[in-house]
């Protein structure tokens, strides 16, 4: 994995974009060269390729090695009102604005540029696998979102199995939606097809 670290490059990534429930999260991380090397040695890679235990173990390491990091989110209501891409961009901008100063370059995971960011940026396909700062942002965002869903939201909205699938459209989740209907934190714009499906 590459790391152009000392040039105050921030990696940005999102998690939860495809969920039926809850907010979309984004992380932004600036890694110095030495910190990137430590995290590479610790096994940092794309959050989707890591076990839950490994992701959780990496969070304090990332926070310790990062020059700066920030998290942002956009709510289910914002997703329904704005659409998923603008809401995801809003979460990314909120994460970047949590950094103590604007990075010289923002590297965004994927192919679409971050609209609304006035500074220099570039996109990187499979960035969460190829760029350590993006991978770190992915891990921080994934762990923060999962903790929110598991500890705060699943107890508030029992019956959907949120603590197991984190709001993704699993068979269990779709069945619970058919049975219970959507909660106040479900993304209504995502549910039209799901709720129209026969059991």
N, C-alpha and C. Protein backbone atom coordinates (compact mmCIF):
# COMPACT_ATOMS: atom_id res chain seq x y z
N UNK A 1 0.84 -1.20 0.00
CA UNK A 1 0.00 0.00 0.00
C UNK A 1 0.87 1.25 0.00
N UNK A 2 0.43 2.23 -0.74
CA UNK A 2 1.19 3.45 -0.89
C UNK A 2 0.85 4.43 0.22
N UNK A 3 1.78 5.31 0.54
CA UNK A 3 1.49 6.38 1.50
C UNK A 3 2.35 7.60 1.20
N UNK A 4 1.69 8.65 0.67
CA UNK A 4 2.37 9.93 0.43
C UNK A 4 2.19 10.79 1.67
N UNK A 5 2.72 10.34 2.77
CA UNK A 5 2.18 10.77 4.05
C UNK A 5 2.60 12.15 4.51
N UNK A 6 3.84 12.52 4.36
CA UNK A 6 4.29 13.73 5.02
C UNK A 6 3.84 15.01 4.31
N UNK A 7 3.16 14.85 3.18
CA UNK A 7 2.66 16.02 2.45
C UNK A 7 1.25 16.38 2.89
N UNK A 8 0.88 16.02 4.11
CA UNK A 8 -0.44 16.34 4.65
C UNK A 8 -1.55 15.94 3.68
N UNK A 9 -1.46 14.70 3.24
CA UNK A 9 -2.48 14.10 2.39
C UNK A 9 -3.49 13.40 3.28
N UNK A 10 -4.76 13.70 3.09
CA UNK A 10 -5.82 13.06 3.87
C UNK A 10 -6.52 12.01 3.01
N UNK A 11 -6.60 10.81 3.52
CA UNK A 11 -7.41 9.77 2.90
C UNK A 11 -8.83 9.84 3.43
N UNK A 12 -9.81 9.67 2.54
CA UNK A 12 -11.22 9.78 2.92
C UNK A 12 -11.97 8.56 2.39
N UNK A 13 -12.82 8.00 3.23
CA UNK A 13 -13.65 6.87 2.80
C UNK A 13 -14.96 6.88 3.57
N UNK A 14 -15.95 6.17 3.00
CA UNK A 14 -17.26 6.08 3.64
C UNK A 14 -17.59 4.63 3.96
N UNK A 15 -18.52 4.44 4.89
CA UNK A 15 -19.08 3.12 5.17
C UNK A 15 -20.58 3.27 5.39
N UNK A 16 -21.29 2.20 5.06
CA UNK A 16 -22.74 2.19 5.28
C UNK A 16 -23.55 2.78 4.15
N UNK A 17 -22.91 2.99 3.02
CA UNK A 17 -23.63 3.60 1.89
C UNK A 17 -24.79 2.72 1.44
N UNK A 18 -24.61 1.41 1.46
CA UNK A 18 -25.64 0.51 0.95
C UNK A 18 -26.64 0.01 1.98
N UNK A 19 -26.56 0.50 3.20
CA UNK A 19 -27.47 0.03 4.26
C UNK A 19 -28.90 0.51 4.03
N UNK A 20 -29.83 -0.19 4.63
CA UNK A 20 -31.24 0.21 4.61
C UNK A 20 -31.59 1.05 5.83
N UNK A 21 -30.71 1.09 6.82
CA UNK A 21 -31.00 1.70 8.12
C UNK A 21 -29.84 2.58 8.56
N UNK A 22 -30.17 3.69 9.17
CA UNK A 22 -29.19 4.48 9.90
C UNK A 22 -28.33 5.37 9.02
N UNK A 23 -27.37 6.04 9.63
CA UNK A 23 -26.54 7.02 8.93
C UNK A 23 -25.48 6.38 8.07
N UNK A 24 -24.97 7.17 7.13
CA UNK A 24 -23.74 6.84 6.42
C UNK A 24 -22.61 7.57 7.15
N UNK A 25 -21.49 6.90 7.34
CA UNK A 25 -20.34 7.44 8.06
C UNK A 25 -19.18 7.66 7.09
N UNK A 26 -18.32 8.59 7.44
CA UNK A 26 -17.08 8.80 6.68
C UNK A 26 -15.95 9.09 7.65
N UNK A 27 -14.75 8.71 7.24
CA UNK A 27 -13.55 9.01 8.01
C UNK A 27 -12.56 9.77 7.14
N UNK A 28 -11.74 10.58 7.78
CA UNK A 28 -10.65 11.29 7.12
C UNK A 28 -9.41 11.14 8.01
N UNK A 29 -8.30 10.71 7.42
CA UNK A 29 -7.08 10.43 8.20
C UNK A 29 -5.86 10.98 7.46
N UNK A 30 -4.99 11.65 8.21
CA UNK A 30 -3.67 12.06 7.73
C UNK A 30 -2.64 11.21 8.45
N UNK A 31 -1.82 10.49 7.69
CA UNK A 31 -0.81 9.61 8.28
C UNK A 31 0.60 10.11 7.94
N UNK A 32 1.46 10.28 8.93
CA UNK A 32 2.88 10.51 8.63
C UNK A 32 3.53 9.22 8.15
N UNK A 33 4.68 9.34 7.52
CA UNK A 33 5.35 8.17 6.95
C UNK A 33 5.62 7.11 8.00
N UNK A 34 6.13 7.51 9.15
CA UNK A 34 6.46 6.53 10.19
C UNK A 34 5.21 5.82 10.68
N UNK A 35 4.13 6.57 10.86
CA UNK A 35 2.88 5.97 11.31
C UNK A 35 2.32 5.00 10.29
N UNK A 36 2.42 5.35 9.01
CA UNK A 36 1.95 4.47 7.95
C UNK A 36 2.72 3.15 7.98
N UNK A 37 4.04 3.23 8.20
CA UNK A 37 4.85 2.01 8.25
C UNK A 37 4.44 1.13 9.42
N UNK A 38 4.18 1.74 10.58
CA UNK A 38 3.75 0.96 11.75
C UNK A 38 2.42 0.26 11.45
N UNK A 39 1.48 0.99 10.85
CA UNK A 39 0.16 0.41 10.59
C UNK A 39 0.21 -0.66 9.51
N UNK A 40 1.09 -0.47 8.52
CA UNK A 40 1.27 -1.52 7.51
C UNK A 40 1.77 -2.80 8.18
N UNK A 41 2.71 -2.65 9.09
CA UNK A 41 3.22 -3.80 9.82
C UNK A 41 2.19 -4.46 10.71
N UNK A 42 1.22 -3.65 11.17
CA UNK A 42 0.15 -4.17 12.03
C UNK A 42 -0.97 -4.82 11.23
N UNK A 43 -0.87 -4.78 9.89
CA UNK A 43 -1.86 -5.47 9.07
C UNK A 43 -3.00 -4.61 8.56
N UNK A 44 -2.85 -3.30 8.60
CA UNK A 44 -3.91 -2.43 8.12
C UNK A 44 -4.14 -2.64 6.62
N UNK A 45 -5.41 -2.81 6.27
CA UNK A 45 -5.83 -2.91 4.88
C UNK A 45 -7.30 -2.51 4.82
N UNK A 46 -7.93 -2.72 3.69
CA UNK A 46 -9.34 -2.42 3.50
C UNK A 46 -10.15 -3.01 4.65
N UNK A 47 -11.01 -2.20 5.27
CA UNK A 47 -11.77 -2.66 6.44
C UNK A 47 -12.63 -3.88 6.11
N UNK A 48 -13.08 -4.00 4.86
CA UNK A 48 -13.93 -5.13 4.49
C UNK A 48 -13.15 -6.44 4.48
N UNK A 49 -11.83 -6.37 4.39
CA UNK A 49 -10.99 -7.56 4.36
C UNK A 49 -10.50 -7.96 5.75
N UNK A 50 -10.87 -7.20 6.77
CA UNK A 50 -10.42 -7.46 8.13
C UNK A 50 -11.54 -8.06 8.96
N UNK A 51 -11.18 -8.90 9.92
CA UNK A 51 -12.18 -9.40 10.86
C UNK A 51 -12.60 -8.27 11.80
N UNK A 52 -13.75 -8.44 12.42
CA UNK A 52 -14.23 -7.44 13.38
C UNK A 52 -13.22 -7.26 14.51
N UNK A 53 -12.63 -8.34 14.96
CA UNK A 53 -11.65 -8.25 16.06
C UNK A 53 -10.41 -7.47 15.62
N UNK A 54 -9.95 -7.74 14.39
CA UNK A 54 -8.77 -7.03 13.89
C UNK A 54 -9.06 -5.55 13.70
N UNK A 55 -10.24 -5.21 13.16
CA UNK A 55 -10.59 -3.80 13.01
C UNK A 55 -10.59 -3.09 14.35
N UNK A 56 -11.21 -3.71 15.34
CA UNK A 56 -11.28 -3.09 16.67
C UNK A 56 -9.89 -2.89 17.26
N UNK A 57 -8.99 -3.86 17.04
CA UNK A 57 -7.63 -3.74 17.56
C UNK A 57 -6.85 -2.64 16.86
N UNK A 58 -7.18 -2.38 15.59
CA UNK A 58 -6.45 -1.35 14.84
C UNK A 58 -6.87 0.08 15.20
N UNK A 59 -8.07 0.25 15.73
CA UNK A 59 -8.56 1.61 15.99
C UNK A 59 -7.61 2.41 16.89
N UNK A 60 -7.23 1.91 18.08
CA UNK A 60 -6.30 2.70 18.91
C UNK A 60 -4.95 2.91 18.24
N UNK A 61 -4.49 1.94 17.45
CA UNK A 61 -3.23 2.10 16.73
C UNK A 61 -3.33 3.22 15.69
N UNK A 62 -4.43 3.25 14.96
CA UNK A 62 -4.62 4.30 13.96
C UNK A 62 -4.65 5.67 14.63
N UNK A 63 -5.41 5.77 15.71
CA UNK A 63 -5.51 7.06 16.41
C UNK A 63 -4.16 7.50 16.95
N UNK A 64 -3.35 6.54 17.39
CA UNK A 64 -2.03 6.88 17.94
C UNK A 64 -1.06 7.29 16.84
N UNK A 65 -1.15 6.68 15.67
CA UNK A 65 -0.18 6.93 14.60
C UNK A 65 -0.59 8.07 13.68
N UNK A 66 -1.86 8.41 13.62
CA UNK A 66 -2.32 9.44 12.70
C UNK A 66 -1.85 10.82 13.14
N UNK A 67 -1.51 11.65 12.18
CA UNK A 67 -1.25 13.06 12.49
C UNK A 67 -2.56 13.75 12.85
N UNK A 68 -3.64 13.37 12.19
CA UNK A 68 -4.97 13.90 12.50
C UNK A 68 -6.01 12.95 11.92
N UNK A 69 -7.19 12.93 12.52
CA UNK A 69 -8.28 12.11 12.00
C UNK A 69 -9.60 12.76 12.37
N UNK A 70 -10.63 12.47 11.60
CA UNK A 70 -11.95 13.01 11.88
C UNK A 70 -13.02 12.07 11.34
N UNK A 71 -14.20 12.13 11.96
CA UNK A 71 -15.35 11.33 11.54
C UNK A 71 -16.52 12.25 11.25
N UNK A 72 -17.31 11.88 10.27
CA UNK A 72 -18.53 12.62 9.96
C UNK A 72 -19.63 11.64 9.59
N UNK A 73 -20.86 12.09 9.69
CA UNK A 73 -21.98 11.24 9.31
C UNK A 73 -23.09 12.08 8.71
N UNK A 74 -23.95 11.41 7.97
CA UNK A 74 -25.19 12.01 7.47
C UNK A 74 -26.31 11.06 7.82
N UNK A 75 -27.40 11.60 8.30
CA UNK A 75 -28.49 10.81 8.87
C UNK A 75 -29.34 10.15 7.78
N UNK A 76 -30.17 9.20 8.21
CA UNK A 76 -31.12 8.58 7.29
C UNK A 76 -32.05 9.63 6.69
N UNK A 77 -32.46 10.61 7.49
CA UNK A 77 -33.34 11.67 6.97
C UNK A 77 -32.62 12.49 5.90
N UNK A 78 -31.33 12.78 6.12
CA UNK A 78 -30.57 13.51 5.10
C UNK A 78 -30.40 12.68 3.83
N UNK A 79 -30.19 11.38 3.99
CA UNK A 79 -30.09 10.49 2.83
C UNK A 79 -31.38 10.53 2.03
N UNK A 80 -32.52 10.44 2.72
CA UNK A 80 -33.81 10.47 2.03
C UNK A 80 -34.06 11.81 1.36
N UNK A 81 -33.63 12.88 2.00
CA UNK A 81 -33.90 14.22 1.46
C UNK A 81 -32.96 14.57 0.31
N UNK A 82 -31.68 14.21 0.45
CA UNK A 82 -30.68 14.66 -0.51
C UNK A 82 -30.36 13.62 -1.58
N UNK A 83 -30.52 12.34 -1.25
CA UNK A 83 -30.01 11.25 -2.08
C UNK A 83 -28.71 10.73 -1.48
N UNK A 84 -28.35 9.49 -1.82
CA UNK A 84 -27.23 8.86 -1.14
C UNK A 84 -25.89 9.49 -1.51
N UNK A 85 -25.67 9.86 -2.77
CA UNK A 85 -24.36 10.44 -3.09
C UNK A 85 -24.16 11.79 -2.40
N UNK A 86 -25.10 12.74 -2.50
CA UNK A 86 -24.89 14.00 -1.77
C UNK A 86 -24.76 13.82 -0.26
N UNK A 87 -25.51 12.87 0.31
CA UNK A 87 -25.42 12.64 1.75
C UNK A 87 -24.06 12.05 2.12
N UNK A 88 -23.55 11.15 1.28
CA UNK A 88 -22.22 10.59 1.51
C UNK A 88 -21.16 11.69 1.43
N UNK A 89 -21.29 12.56 0.46
CA UNK A 89 -20.35 13.68 0.34
C UNK A 89 -20.43 14.59 1.56
N UNK A 90 -21.64 14.80 2.07
CA UNK A 90 -21.81 15.62 3.27
C UNK A 90 -21.07 14.98 4.46
N UNK A 91 -21.20 13.66 4.61
CA UNK A 91 -20.48 12.97 5.68
C UNK A 91 -18.97 13.12 5.51
N UNK A 92 -18.48 13.02 4.27
CA UNK A 92 -17.05 13.18 4.02
C UNK A 92 -16.58 14.60 4.35
N UNK A 93 -17.35 15.59 3.93
CA UNK A 93 -16.99 16.98 4.22
C UNK A 93 -16.98 17.23 5.73
N UNK A 94 -17.93 16.66 6.44
CA UNK A 94 -17.97 16.81 7.90
C UNK A 94 -16.75 16.16 8.53
N UNK A 95 -16.32 15.01 8.02
CA UNK A 95 -15.11 14.37 8.54
C UNK A 95 -13.88 15.24 8.28
N UNK A 96 -13.77 15.77 7.08
CA UNK A 96 -12.62 16.63 6.74
C UNK A 96 -12.61 17.90 7.58
N UNK A 97 -13.77 18.44 7.87
CA UNK A 97 -13.83 19.67 8.67
C UNK A 97 -13.49 19.43 10.14
N UNK A 98 -13.45 18.16 10.56
CA UNK A 98 -13.02 17.85 11.93
C UNK A 98 -11.49 17.88 12.05
N UNK A 99 -10.78 17.85 10.94
CA UNK A 99 -9.32 17.93 10.99
C UNK A 99 -8.90 19.32 11.46
N UNK A 100 -7.79 19.44 12.17
CA UNK A 100 -7.39 20.74 12.72
C UNK A 100 -7.06 21.78 11.65
N UNK A 101 -6.65 21.33 10.47
CA UNK A 101 -6.40 22.26 9.36
C UNK A 101 -6.67 21.52 8.06
N UNK A 102 -6.93 22.27 7.01
CA UNK A 102 -7.25 21.66 5.72
C UNK A 102 -6.03 20.96 5.15
N UNK A 103 -6.16 19.71 4.70
CA UNK A 103 -5.01 19.01 4.11
C UNK A 103 -4.65 19.61 2.75
N UNK A 104 -3.39 19.42 2.36
CA UNK A 104 -2.94 19.91 1.05
C UNK A 104 -3.60 19.14 -0.08
N UNK A 105 -3.92 17.87 0.17
CA UNK A 105 -4.53 17.02 -0.86
C UNK A 105 -5.48 16.05 -0.17
N UNK A 106 -6.64 15.86 -0.78
CA UNK A 106 -7.60 14.86 -0.31
C UNK A 106 -7.64 13.74 -1.35
N UNK A 107 -7.46 12.52 -0.89
CA UNK A 107 -7.54 11.35 -1.76
C UNK A 107 -8.81 10.59 -1.39
N UNK A 108 -9.73 10.50 -2.35
CA UNK A 108 -11.06 9.95 -2.10
C UNK A 108 -11.14 8.54 -2.68
N UNK A 109 -11.61 7.61 -1.88
CA UNK A 109 -11.79 6.26 -2.38
C UNK A 109 -12.87 6.23 -3.45
N UNK A 110 -12.58 5.57 -4.57
CA UNK A 110 -13.58 5.41 -5.61
C UNK A 110 -13.26 6.22 -6.85
N UNK A 111 -14.28 6.40 -7.68
CA UNK A 111 -14.11 7.05 -8.97
C UNK A 111 -14.73 8.45 -9.01
N UNK A 112 -15.60 8.77 -8.05
CA UNK A 112 -16.32 10.04 -8.09
C UNK A 112 -15.63 11.08 -7.22
N UNK A 113 -15.40 12.28 -7.75
CA UNK A 113 -14.78 13.33 -6.93
C UNK A 113 -15.73 13.82 -5.85
N UNK A 114 -15.15 14.42 -4.82
CA UNK A 114 -15.91 14.95 -3.70
C UNK A 114 -16.37 16.36 -4.04
N UNK A 115 -17.62 16.49 -4.40
CA UNK A 115 -18.16 17.82 -4.69
C UNK A 115 -18.28 18.61 -3.39
N UNK A 116 -18.02 19.91 -3.49
CA UNK A 116 -18.10 20.75 -2.30
C UNK A 116 -16.78 20.95 -1.59
N UNK A 117 -15.73 20.23 -2.02
CA UNK A 117 -14.40 20.42 -1.43
C UNK A 117 -13.62 21.37 -2.32
N UNK A 118 -13.18 22.49 -1.78
CA UNK A 118 -12.52 23.51 -2.58
C UNK A 118 -11.05 23.30 -2.82
N UNK A 119 -10.43 22.39 -2.07
CA UNK A 119 -9.00 22.17 -2.19
C UNK A 119 -8.66 21.11 -3.23
N UNK A 120 -7.37 20.80 -3.31
CA UNK A 120 -6.90 19.79 -4.26
C UNK A 120 -7.38 18.41 -3.82
N UNK A 121 -7.73 17.59 -4.80
CA UNK A 121 -8.17 16.24 -4.51
C UNK A 121 -7.90 15.34 -5.71
N UNK A 122 -7.89 14.05 -5.44
CA UNK A 122 -7.87 13.06 -6.52
C UNK A 122 -8.62 11.83 -6.05
N UNK A 123 -9.14 11.08 -7.00
CA UNK A 123 -9.84 9.85 -6.68
C UNK A 123 -8.90 8.66 -6.89
N UNK A 124 -9.18 7.58 -6.20
CA UNK A 124 -8.35 6.39 -6.29
C UNK A 124 -9.26 5.17 -6.21
N UNK A 125 -9.42 4.49 -7.33
CA UNK A 125 -10.23 3.26 -7.35
C UNK A 125 -9.55 2.20 -6.49
N UNK A 126 -10.34 1.51 -5.67
CA UNK A 126 -9.82 0.54 -4.69
C UNK A 126 -8.83 1.20 -3.75
N UNK A 127 -9.09 2.46 -3.43
CA UNK A 127 -8.20 3.20 -2.56
C UNK A 127 -8.07 2.62 -1.18
N UNK A 128 -9.15 1.99 -0.67
CA UNK A 128 -9.06 1.41 0.66
C UNK A 128 -8.12 0.21 0.71
N UNK A 129 -7.75 -0.32 -0.46
CA UNK A 129 -6.77 -1.40 -0.53
C UNK A 129 -5.38 -0.89 -0.91
N UNK A 130 -5.32 0.28 -1.58
CA UNK A 130 -4.07 0.76 -2.15
C UNK A 130 -3.43 1.92 -1.39
N UNK A 131 -4.17 2.56 -0.51
CA UNK A 131 -3.68 3.76 0.17
C UNK A 131 -3.93 3.60 1.67
N UNK A 132 -2.86 3.70 2.47
CA UNK A 132 -2.99 3.44 3.90
C UNK A 132 -3.86 4.45 4.62
N UNK A 133 -3.83 5.71 4.21
CA UNK A 133 -4.66 6.72 4.87
C UNK A 133 -6.14 6.44 4.60
N UNK A 134 -6.47 6.04 3.37
CA UNK A 134 -7.85 5.68 3.07
C UNK A 134 -8.26 4.44 3.86
N UNK A 135 -7.38 3.44 3.92
CA UNK A 135 -7.68 2.24 4.70
C UNK A 135 -7.93 2.58 6.16
N UNK A 136 -7.12 3.48 6.71
CA UNK A 136 -7.31 3.89 8.10
C UNK A 136 -8.64 4.61 8.29
N UNK A 137 -8.99 5.47 7.33
CA UNK A 137 -10.28 6.17 7.40
C UNK A 137 -11.43 5.18 7.34
N UNK A 138 -11.28 4.15 6.51
CA UNK A 138 -12.31 3.13 6.38
C UNK A 138 -12.50 2.38 7.69
N UNK A 139 -11.41 2.00 8.32
CA UNK A 139 -11.49 1.26 9.58
C UNK A 139 -12.13 2.12 10.68
N UNK A 140 -11.70 3.37 10.81
CA UNK A 140 -12.27 4.22 11.85
C UNK A 140 -13.77 4.44 11.63
N UNK A 141 -14.16 4.68 10.39
CA UNK A 141 -15.58 4.92 10.09
C UNK A 141 -16.40 3.66 10.32
N UNK A 142 -15.89 2.52 9.88
CA UNK A 142 -16.61 1.25 10.06
C UNK A 142 -16.81 0.93 11.52
N UNK A 143 -15.77 1.07 12.32
CA UNK A 143 -15.89 0.76 13.75
C UNK A 143 -16.82 1.73 14.46
N UNK A 144 -16.75 3.02 14.10
CA UNK A 144 -17.62 4.01 14.74
C UNK A 144 -19.09 3.74 14.39
N UNK A 145 -19.35 3.44 13.13
CA UNK A 145 -20.74 3.17 12.73
C UNK A 145 -21.25 1.90 13.39
N UNK A 146 -20.45 0.84 13.37
CA UNK A 146 -20.88 -0.42 13.99
C UNK A 146 -21.15 -0.26 15.48
N UNK A 147 -20.30 0.49 16.17
CA UNK A 147 -20.50 0.72 17.60
C UNK A 147 -21.80 1.48 17.85
N UNK A 148 -22.06 2.49 17.03
CA UNK A 148 -23.30 3.26 17.17
C UNK A 148 -24.52 2.36 16.98
N UNK A 149 -24.50 1.56 15.92
CA UNK A 149 -25.65 0.69 15.64
C UNK A 149 -25.80 -0.36 16.74
N UNK A 150 -24.70 -1.00 17.10
CA UNK A 150 -24.78 -2.11 18.05
C UNK A 150 -25.18 -1.65 19.44
N UNK A 151 -24.55 -0.57 19.92
CA UNK A 151 -24.74 -0.18 21.32
C UNK A 151 -25.90 0.78 21.55
N UNK A 152 -26.15 1.68 20.60
CA UNK A 152 -27.17 2.71 20.81
C UNK A 152 -28.46 2.45 20.04
N UNK A 153 -28.34 2.04 18.79
CA UNK A 153 -29.53 1.98 17.93
C UNK A 153 -30.25 0.64 17.99
N UNK A 154 -29.51 -0.46 18.03
CA UNK A 154 -30.16 -1.78 18.09
C UNK A 154 -31.06 -1.91 19.33
N UNK A 155 -30.64 -1.45 20.53
CA UNK A 155 -31.56 -1.54 21.67
C UNK A 155 -32.80 -0.64 21.53
N UNK A 156 -32.66 0.47 20.82
CA UNK A 156 -33.81 1.37 20.61
C UNK A 156 -34.80 0.80 19.62
N UNK A 157 -34.31 -0.03 18.70
CA UNK A 157 -35.16 -0.57 17.64
C UNK A 157 -35.03 -2.09 17.61
N UNK A 158 -35.59 -2.77 18.62
CA UNK A 158 -35.44 -4.23 18.69
C UNK A 158 -36.28 -4.92 17.61
N UNK A 159 -35.89 -6.14 17.32
CA UNK A 159 -36.66 -6.95 16.38
C UNK A 159 -36.13 -6.99 14.98
N UNK A 160 -35.26 -6.05 14.62
CA UNK A 160 -34.73 -6.02 13.26
C UNK A 160 -33.40 -6.78 13.12
N UNK A 161 -32.79 -7.15 14.26
CA UNK A 161 -31.50 -7.83 14.20
C UNK A 161 -30.35 -6.92 13.84
N UNK A 162 -30.49 -5.63 14.14
CA UNK A 162 -29.48 -4.65 13.72
C UNK A 162 -28.09 -4.97 14.27
N UNK A 163 -28.04 -5.53 15.46
CA UNK A 163 -26.74 -5.84 16.07
C UNK A 163 -25.99 -6.91 15.28
N UNK A 164 -26.68 -7.63 14.41
CA UNK A 164 -26.03 -8.67 13.61
C UNK A 164 -25.67 -8.19 12.21
N UNK A 165 -26.55 -7.42 11.57
CA UNK A 165 -26.28 -7.03 10.18
C UNK A 165 -25.98 -5.54 10.00
N UNK A 166 -26.04 -4.76 11.06
CA UNK A 166 -25.67 -3.34 11.05
C UNK A 166 -26.51 -2.50 10.07
N UNK A 167 -27.67 -3.03 9.71
CA UNK A 167 -28.55 -2.26 8.83
C UNK A 167 -28.48 -2.61 7.37
N UNK A 168 -27.60 -3.55 7.00
CA UNK A 168 -27.54 -3.98 5.61
C UNK A 168 -28.76 -4.84 5.27
N UNK A 169 -29.02 -5.01 3.99
CA UNK A 169 -30.25 -5.64 3.53
C UNK A 169 -30.19 -7.15 3.50
N UNK A 170 -29.89 -7.77 4.63
CA UNK A 170 -29.85 -9.23 4.70
C UNK A 170 -31.27 -9.79 4.65
N UNK A 171 -31.36 -11.11 4.46
CA UNK A 171 -32.67 -11.77 4.45
C UNK A 171 -33.39 -11.55 5.77
N UNK A 172 -32.66 -11.63 6.89
CA UNK A 172 -33.26 -11.41 8.20
C UNK A 172 -33.83 -9.99 8.32
N UNK A 173 -33.08 -9.03 7.83
CA UNK A 173 -33.52 -7.64 7.91
C UNK A 173 -34.75 -7.42 7.04
N UNK A 174 -34.73 -7.95 5.84
CA UNK A 174 -35.88 -7.78 4.94
C UNK A 174 -37.13 -8.43 5.51
N UNK A 175 -36.97 -9.59 6.12
CA UNK A 175 -38.12 -10.26 6.74
C UNK A 175 -38.67 -9.43 7.89
N UNK A 176 -37.77 -8.86 8.71
CA UNK A 176 -38.22 -8.03 9.83
C UNK A 176 -38.94 -6.78 9.33
N UNK A 177 -38.47 -6.21 8.24
CA UNK A 177 -39.15 -5.04 7.67
C UNK A 177 -40.54 -5.40 7.18
N UNK A 178 -40.69 -6.55 6.56
CA UNK A 178 -42.01 -7.00 6.12
C UNK A 178 -42.94 -7.18 7.32
N UNK A 179 -42.39 -7.67 8.42
CA UNK A 179 -43.19 -7.99 9.60
C UNK A 179 -43.49 -6.76 10.45
N UNK A 180 -42.47 -5.92 10.65
CA UNK A 180 -42.59 -4.79 11.59
C UNK A 180 -42.84 -3.46 10.91
N UNK A 181 -42.50 -3.39 9.60
CA UNK A 181 -42.50 -2.09 8.94
C UNK A 181 -41.24 -1.33 9.30
N UNK A 182 -40.99 -0.20 8.63
CA UNK A 182 -39.76 0.55 8.89
C UNK A 182 -39.82 1.34 10.19
N UNK A 183 -38.65 1.51 10.80
CA UNK A 183 -38.52 2.38 11.97
C UNK A 183 -38.29 3.82 11.50
N UNK A 184 -38.19 4.71 12.45
CA UNK A 184 -37.96 6.13 12.11
C UNK A 184 -36.56 6.37 11.56
N UNK A 185 -35.64 5.40 11.72
CA UNK A 185 -34.28 5.57 11.21
C UNK A 185 -34.00 4.72 9.97
N UNK A 186 -35.02 4.10 9.42
CA UNK A 186 -34.83 3.42 8.14
C UNK A 186 -34.83 4.44 7.01
N UNK A 187 -34.08 4.12 5.97
CA UNK A 187 -33.99 5.01 4.81
C UNK A 187 -35.17 4.70 3.89
N UNK A 188 -36.20 5.52 3.97
CA UNK A 188 -37.42 5.25 3.21
C UNK A 188 -37.16 5.16 1.71
N UNK A 189 -36.22 5.96 1.23
CA UNK A 189 -35.92 5.96 -0.20
C UNK A 189 -35.28 4.65 -0.66
N UNK A 190 -34.75 3.87 0.30
CA UNK A 190 -34.12 2.58 -0.04
C UNK A 190 -35.11 1.42 0.05
N UNK A 191 -36.30 1.67 0.61
CA UNK A 191 -37.16 0.56 1.02
C UNK A 191 -38.29 0.23 0.06
N UNK A 192 -38.47 1.02 -0.98
CA UNK A 192 -39.63 0.81 -1.82
C UNK A 192 -39.65 -0.60 -2.40
N UNK A 193 -38.52 -1.03 -2.94
CA UNK A 193 -38.46 -2.36 -3.53
C UNK A 193 -38.54 -3.44 -2.45
N UNK A 194 -37.86 -3.22 -1.33
CA UNK A 194 -37.84 -4.23 -0.26
C UNK A 194 -39.24 -4.48 0.27
N UNK A 195 -39.98 -3.41 0.54
CA UNK A 195 -41.31 -3.56 1.12
C UNK A 195 -42.32 -4.06 0.10
N UNK A 196 -42.01 -3.95 -1.18
CA UNK A 196 -42.91 -4.47 -2.20
C UNK A 196 -42.69 -5.95 -2.47
N UNK A 197 -41.57 -6.49 -1.97
CA UNK A 197 -41.26 -7.89 -2.22
C UNK A 197 -42.18 -8.80 -1.40
N UNK A 198 -42.68 -9.88 -1.98
CA UNK A 198 -43.41 -10.85 -1.17
C UNK A 198 -42.45 -11.61 -0.26
N UNK A 199 -42.98 -12.10 0.86
CA UNK A 199 -42.14 -12.88 1.77
C UNK A 199 -41.81 -14.22 1.14
